[in-house]
Amino acid sequence: MPISFFEHINRFTNLTKGDFDKVLQYFTIQTYKKKEIILSAGSKCNFNYFVLEGCAHMFFIGKNGTQRTVQFAIENWWITDHLAFQRGNITDFSIQAVDRTTILQIKRDDQKKMLEEFPELERYFRKIFEIAYGASLVRMKYVFDYSKEDVYYHFTESFPEFAQRVPQYLIASFLGLTPEYVSEIRAKKRS
């Protein structure tokens, strides 16, 4: 069961309920249908997104036309093209709802104002980014060190919440595998 946004923030800060109510005024809530685009490649990245419910993935289309997932976000995870968001630039990535997804979104300028008003949230975002960066380094280690089959097993065993709810073709895309290869791995395990 996901914790509330207030509880999530207070895992890393000591924000009062009154201050949290003020923080919430910087956000808008949005719900997206399954497969609906939240952010399109080629558009300006104006928002940072916090998933309240559901699942989203960030991807790009490779030169050969293949969709490559680079990040997932489930409940209590943030997702955006951070570089484009911080710079106010055009993004090369798209973000799509994997299933019905409800998010809190905050505009770039509003996030700056919020952090000025509530500097303790700088610590919150720093901790969130440290965790995300560390996870991306571990992912790269597994990609370089493990066989493709081991990468798949490690992912599905370490993140069963994804393996149960995310379509296999998206897991394959995230791990740099083909959907056909993932089917082969799963068939081999069943036999």
Foldseek 3Di string as FASTA:
>chain_A
DFDDPVVLLVVFFDDDPVLVVVLLVQWDKDKDAAFDWPFDAQDFFFKKKAWQAAKKWKWAQDPVRDIATADMHGHGAIDDPVVSQQVRHGHRIIMTTNHITMIIMGTSVSVVVSCVVPVSCVRVVVVNVVVVVVVVVVLVCCLVPDDLLVSLVVCCVVCVVCVVRGDQCNVCSNSVHHSVVVVVSVVVVVD
